[in-house]
Amino acid sequence: MKKLTYEKEESVLRIRMVNRDRHEITFEILNKAISGKRKTELMREVGLSYTQSQIYLGELTKKGLLEMDKRGCYKTTSRGLEFLEKCKECPLFRWEKRSKSK
């Protein structure tokens, strides 16, 4: 395995630290929760703080895009899946991150 030099490590970190808007965060949460995830799993995988997760999960649940099952796992509802499909079809948004190559 090749060891990254300091310059390469720094550029990799810069690529990962991208500011996301609320639409991107919502999309990521709904996408990760399709199979059902606990709050801490979603926080870690989406990269949210506890406070952010409280806000987003509360709002998405209130709007009917997420639901909590008996085990305490958040799962994307049929309405949430419909929302994801419409987001993917929308030509105004590019949901996939593109890495910058030098």
N, C-alpha and C. Protein backbone atom coordinates (compact mmCIF):
# COMPACT_ATOMS: atom_id res chain seq x y z
N MET A 1 0.84 -1.18 0.00
CA MET A 1 0.00 0.00 0.00
C MET A 1 0.89 1.24 0.00
N LYS A 2 0.59 2.18 -0.88
CA LYS A 2 1.38 3.40 -0.98
C LYS A 2 1.03 4.34 0.16
N LYS A 3 2.06 4.98 0.67
CA LYS A 3 1.85 5.96 1.72
C LYS A 3 1.61 7.32 1.07
N LEU A 4 0.58 8.01 1.50
CA LEU A 4 0.28 9.33 0.97
C LEU A 4 1.26 10.35 1.52
N THR A 5 1.69 11.24 0.68
CA THR A 5 2.53 12.33 1.16
C THR A 5 1.63 13.35 1.86
N TYR A 6 2.25 14.27 2.56
CA TYR A 6 1.48 15.29 3.30
C TYR A 6 0.58 16.08 2.36
N GLU A 7 1.10 16.46 1.19
CA GLU A 7 0.31 17.26 0.25
C GLU A 7 -0.92 16.50 -0.21
N LYS A 8 -0.74 15.21 -0.51
CA LYS A 8 -1.88 14.42 -0.97
C LYS A 8 -2.89 14.22 0.16
N GLU A 9 -2.42 13.97 1.37
CA GLU A 9 -3.32 13.81 2.50
C GLU A 9 -4.15 15.06 2.71
N GLU A 10 -3.51 16.22 2.61
CA GLU A 10 -4.20 17.48 2.82
C GLU A 10 -5.28 17.69 1.76
N SER A 11 -5.00 17.36 0.50
CA SER A 11 -6.00 17.55 -0.55
C SER A 11 -7.16 16.57 -0.39
N VAL A 12 -6.87 15.36 0.09
CA VAL A 12 -7.94 14.39 0.33
C VAL A 12 -8.85 14.91 1.44
N LEU A 13 -8.28 15.47 2.49
CA LEU A 13 -9.08 16.02 3.57
C LEU A 13 -9.92 17.19 3.09
N ARG A 14 -9.35 18.03 2.25
CA ARG A 14 -10.09 19.18 1.73
C ARG A 14 -11.29 18.73 0.90
N ILE A 15 -11.13 17.66 0.13
CA ILE A 15 -12.23 17.15 -0.69
C ILE A 15 -13.34 16.63 0.19
N ARG A 16 -13.00 15.95 1.29
CA ARG A 16 -14.01 15.38 2.18
C ARG A 16 -14.75 16.45 2.97
N MET A 17 -14.11 17.57 3.24
CA MET A 17 -14.71 18.62 4.04
C MET A 17 -15.45 19.62 3.14
N VAL A 18 -16.52 19.16 2.54
CA VAL A 18 -17.30 19.98 1.63
C VAL A 18 -18.55 20.46 2.37
N ASN A 19 -18.86 21.72 2.23
CA ASN A 19 -20.09 22.24 2.83
C ASN A 19 -21.27 21.70 2.06
N ARG A 20 -22.26 21.23 2.81
CA ARG A 20 -23.46 20.68 2.19
C ARG A 20 -24.64 21.54 2.58
N ASP A 21 -25.60 21.65 1.68
CA ASP A 21 -26.81 22.37 2.04
C ASP A 21 -27.82 21.38 2.63
N ARG A 22 -28.93 21.91 3.11
CA ARG A 22 -29.90 21.06 3.79
C ARG A 22 -30.52 20.01 2.86
N HIS A 23 -30.58 20.31 1.56
CA HIS A 23 -31.14 19.34 0.61
C HIS A 23 -30.22 18.13 0.48
N GLU A 24 -28.93 18.37 0.40
CA GLU A 24 -27.97 17.28 0.31
C GLU A 24 -27.99 16.42 1.57
N ILE A 25 -28.07 17.06 2.73
CA ILE A 25 -28.10 16.32 3.99
C ILE A 25 -29.37 15.49 4.07
N THR A 26 -30.49 16.08 3.69
CA THR A 26 -31.77 15.36 3.69
C THR A 26 -31.69 14.16 2.76
N PHE A 27 -31.15 14.35 1.57
CA PHE A 27 -31.01 13.28 0.60
C PHE A 27 -30.15 12.15 1.17
N GLU A 28 -29.04 12.50 1.79
CA GLU A 28 -28.14 11.49 2.37
C GLU A 28 -28.82 10.71 3.49
N ILE A 29 -29.53 11.40 4.36
CA ILE A 29 -30.21 10.73 5.47
C ILE A 29 -31.22 9.73 4.93
N LEU A 30 -32.07 10.19 4.00
CA LEU A 30 -33.11 9.31 3.46
C LEU A 30 -32.49 8.13 2.71
N ASN A 31 -31.42 8.38 2.01
CA ASN A 31 -30.76 7.32 1.24
C ASN A 31 -30.15 6.27 2.18
N LYS A 32 -29.51 6.70 3.25
CA LYS A 32 -28.88 5.77 4.20
C LYS A 32 -29.92 5.01 5.02
N ALA A 33 -31.08 5.61 5.25
CA ALA A 33 -32.10 5.01 6.11
C ALA A 33 -33.03 4.06 5.37
N ILE A 34 -32.79 3.79 4.11
CA ILE A 34 -33.66 2.90 3.35
C ILE A 34 -33.72 1.52 4.02
N SER A 35 -32.59 1.01 4.44
CA SER A 35 -32.54 -0.32 5.06
C SER A 35 -32.84 -0.27 6.55
N GLY A 36 -32.94 0.91 7.14
CA GLY A 36 -33.19 1.07 8.57
C GLY A 36 -31.89 1.21 9.33
N LYS A 37 -31.73 2.33 10.02
CA LYS A 37 -30.50 2.60 10.78
C LYS A 37 -30.85 3.25 12.10
N ARG A 38 -30.04 2.99 13.09
CA ARG A 38 -30.17 3.67 14.38
C ARG A 38 -29.65 5.10 14.25
N LYS A 39 -30.03 5.94 15.20
CA LYS A 39 -29.65 7.35 15.16
C LYS A 39 -28.13 7.53 15.11
N THR A 40 -27.41 6.79 15.93
CA THR A 40 -25.95 6.96 15.97
C THR A 40 -25.30 6.52 14.65
N GLU A 41 -25.85 5.49 14.02
CA GLU A 41 -25.32 5.06 12.72
C GLU A 41 -25.52 6.15 11.67
N LEU A 42 -26.72 6.73 11.66
CA LEU A 42 -27.00 7.81 10.71
C LEU A 42 -26.10 9.02 10.98
N MET A 43 -25.94 9.36 12.25
CA MET A 43 -25.09 10.50 12.59
C MET A 43 -23.68 10.29 12.05
N ARG A 44 -23.14 9.10 12.26
CA ARG A 44 -21.77 8.81 11.84
C ARG A 44 -21.65 8.75 10.31
N GLU A 45 -22.57 8.05 9.66
CA GLU A 45 -22.48 7.87 8.22
C GLU A 45 -22.74 9.15 7.43
N VAL A 46 -23.62 9.99 7.93
CA VAL A 46 -23.96 11.23 7.24
C VAL A 46 -23.05 12.37 7.69
N GLY A 47 -22.44 12.22 8.87
CA GLY A 47 -21.54 13.24 9.38
C GLY A 47 -22.26 14.39 10.05
N LEU A 48 -23.17 14.05 10.96
CA LEU A 48 -23.95 15.06 11.67
C LEU A 48 -23.59 15.08 13.14
N SER A 49 -23.74 16.23 13.74
CA SER A 49 -23.59 16.33 15.20
C SER A 49 -24.90 15.84 15.82
N TYR A 50 -24.88 15.69 17.14
CA TYR A 50 -26.09 15.26 17.85
C TYR A 50 -27.23 16.27 17.63
N THR A 51 -26.91 17.54 17.76
CA THR A 51 -27.93 18.59 17.59
C THR A 51 -28.50 18.59 16.18
N GLN A 52 -27.61 18.49 15.18
CA GLN A 52 -28.08 18.45 13.80
C GLN A 52 -28.98 17.24 13.55
N SER A 53 -28.59 16.09 14.09
CA SER A 53 -29.39 14.88 13.88
C SER A 53 -30.76 15.03 14.54
N GLN A 54 -30.83 15.65 15.71
CA GLN A 54 -32.11 15.88 16.37
C GLN A 54 -33.03 16.71 15.47
N ILE A 55 -32.47 17.76 14.88
CA ILE A 55 -33.26 18.66 14.03
C ILE A 55 -33.73 17.93 12.77
N TYR A 56 -32.78 17.34 12.04
CA TYR A 56 -33.12 16.70 10.76
C TYR A 56 -34.03 15.50 10.94
N LEU A 57 -33.72 14.61 11.87
CA LEU A 57 -34.55 13.42 12.06
C LEU A 57 -35.94 13.80 12.55
N GLY A 58 -36.03 14.80 13.41
CA GLY A 58 -37.33 15.28 13.88
C GLY A 58 -38.18 15.83 12.74
N GLU A 59 -37.58 16.68 11.92
CA GLU A 59 -38.31 17.28 10.80
C GLU A 59 -38.73 16.24 9.75
N LEU A 60 -37.81 15.34 9.42
CA LEU A 60 -38.13 14.33 8.41
C LEU A 60 -39.21 13.36 8.90
N THR A 61 -39.19 13.08 10.19
CA THR A 61 -40.23 12.22 10.78
C THR A 61 -41.57 12.96 10.79
N LYS A 62 -41.54 14.23 11.17
CA LYS A 62 -42.75 15.05 11.22
C LYS A 62 -43.39 15.18 9.83
N LYS A 63 -42.55 15.27 8.80
CA LYS A 63 -43.06 15.43 7.43
C LYS A 63 -43.43 14.10 6.78
N GLY A 64 -43.21 12.99 7.49
CA GLY A 64 -43.62 11.68 6.97
C GLY A 64 -42.63 11.05 6.00
N LEU A 65 -41.39 11.55 5.97
CA LEU A 65 -40.39 10.98 5.08
C LEU A 65 -39.57 9.88 5.76
N LEU A 66 -39.55 9.92 7.09
CA LEU A 66 -38.87 8.91 7.91
C LEU A 66 -39.85 8.42 8.96
N GLU A 67 -39.62 7.17 9.42
CA GLU A 67 -40.40 6.65 10.53
C GLU A 67 -39.47 5.85 11.43
N MET A 68 -39.84 5.73 12.70
CA MET A 68 -39.06 4.94 13.63
C MET A 68 -39.82 3.64 13.90
N ASP A 69 -39.11 2.52 13.76
CA ASP A 69 -39.76 1.24 14.00
C ASP A 69 -39.69 0.85 15.47
N LYS A 70 -40.17 -0.35 15.81
CA LYS A 70 -40.22 -0.81 17.19
C LYS A 70 -38.84 -0.94 17.82
N ARG A 71 -37.81 -1.21 17.00
CA ARG A 71 -36.44 -1.38 17.50
C ARG A 71 -35.72 -0.06 17.68
N GLY A 72 -36.35 1.04 17.33
CA GLY A 72 -35.71 2.35 17.45
C GLY A 72 -34.87 2.72 16.25
N CYS A 73 -35.09 2.04 15.13
CA CYS A 73 -34.36 2.33 13.89
C CYS A 73 -35.19 3.26 13.01
N TYR A 74 -34.50 4.20 12.39
CA TYR A 74 -35.16 5.09 11.44
C TYR A 74 -35.17 4.43 10.07
N LYS A 75 -36.31 4.50 9.41
CA LYS A 75 -36.46 3.88 8.09
C LYS A 75 -37.17 4.86 7.17
N THR A 76 -36.71 4.91 5.93
CA THR A 76 -37.33 5.78 4.93
C THR A 76 -38.71 5.24 4.58
N THR A 77 -39.71 6.10 4.59
CA THR A 77 -41.08 5.71 4.26
C THR A 77 -41.26 5.67 2.75
N SER A 78 -42.44 5.21 2.30
CA SER A 78 -42.73 5.20 0.87
C SER A 78 -42.74 6.64 0.33
N ARG A 79 -43.20 7.57 1.14
CA ARG A 79 -43.18 8.98 0.74
C ARG A 79 -41.74 9.48 0.61
N GLY A 80 -40.87 9.03 1.52
CA GLY A 80 -39.45 9.37 1.46
C GLY A 80 -38.78 8.79 0.23
N LEU A 81 -39.15 7.55 -0.13
CA LEU A 81 -38.59 6.92 -1.34
C LEU A 81 -39.03 7.67 -2.60
N GLU A 82 -40.27 8.12 -2.59
CA GLU A 82 -40.79 8.91 -3.71
C GLU A 82 -40.01 10.23 -3.83
N PHE A 83 -39.73 10.84 -2.69
CA PHE A 83 -38.94 12.08 -2.65
C PHE A 83 -37.55 11.84 -3.24
N LEU A 84 -36.90 10.73 -2.86
CA LEU A 84 -35.57 10.40 -3.38
C LEU A 84 -35.60 10.23 -4.90
N GLU A 85 -36.61 9.54 -5.40
CA GLU A 85 -36.72 9.33 -6.85
C GLU A 85 -36.87 10.66 -7.59
N LYS A 86 -37.69 11.55 -7.05
CA LYS A 86 -37.87 12.85 -7.70
C LYS A 86 -36.59 13.67 -7.67
N CYS A 87 -35.83 13.56 -6.58
CA CYS A 87 -34.55 14.26 -6.49
C CYS A 87 -33.58 13.76 -7.55
N LYS A 88 -33.55 12.45 -7.75
CA LYS A 88 -32.64 11.86 -8.73
C LYS A 88 -33.00 12.26 -10.16
N GLU A 89 -34.29 12.48 -10.41
CA GLU A 89 -34.75 12.86 -11.74
C GLU A 89 -34.53 14.34 -12.04
N CYS A 90 -34.42 15.16 -11.03
CA CYS A 90 -34.33 16.60 -11.19
C CYS A 90 -33.00 16.99 -11.85
N PRO A 91 -33.04 17.65 -13.00
CA PRO A 91 -31.81 18.02 -13.69
C PRO A 91 -31.05 19.18 -13.03
N LEU A 92 -31.67 19.88 -12.09
CA LEU A 92 -31.02 21.02 -11.45
C LEU A 92 -30.00 20.61 -10.41
N PHE A 93 -30.11 19.38 -9.90
CA PHE A 93 -29.25 18.94 -8.82
C PHE A 93 -28.34 17.81 -9.27
N ARG A 94 -27.12 17.87 -8.80
CA ARG A 94 -26.16 16.78 -9.00
C ARG A 94 -25.86 16.25 -7.61
N TRP A 95 -26.46 15.12 -7.24
CA TRP A 95 -26.35 14.61 -5.89
C TRP A 95 -25.06 13.86 -5.64
N GLU A 96 -24.40 13.44 -6.70
CA GLU A 96 -23.17 12.68 -6.51
C GLU A 96 -21.99 13.63 -6.45
N LYS A 97 -21.13 13.43 -5.46
CA LYS A 97 -19.94 14.27 -5.32
C LYS A 97 -18.94 13.90 -6.39
N ARG A 98 -18.31 14.87 -6.96
CA ARG A 98 -17.26 14.65 -7.95
C ARG A 98 -15.94 15.08 -7.36
N SER A 99 -14.96 14.20 -7.42
CA SER A 99 -13.65 14.56 -6.87
C SER A 99 -12.87 15.35 -7.92
N LYS A 100 -12.12 16.32 -7.43
CA LYS A 100 -11.32 17.14 -8.32
C LYS A 100 -9.99 16.45 -8.55
N SER A 101 -9.63 16.27 -9.81
CA SER A 101 -8.34 15.66 -10.11
C SER A 101 -7.37 16.74 -10.56
N LYS A 102 -6.13 16.58 -10.13
CA LYS A 102 -5.11 17.58 -10.47
C LYS A 102 -4.32 17.13 -11.66
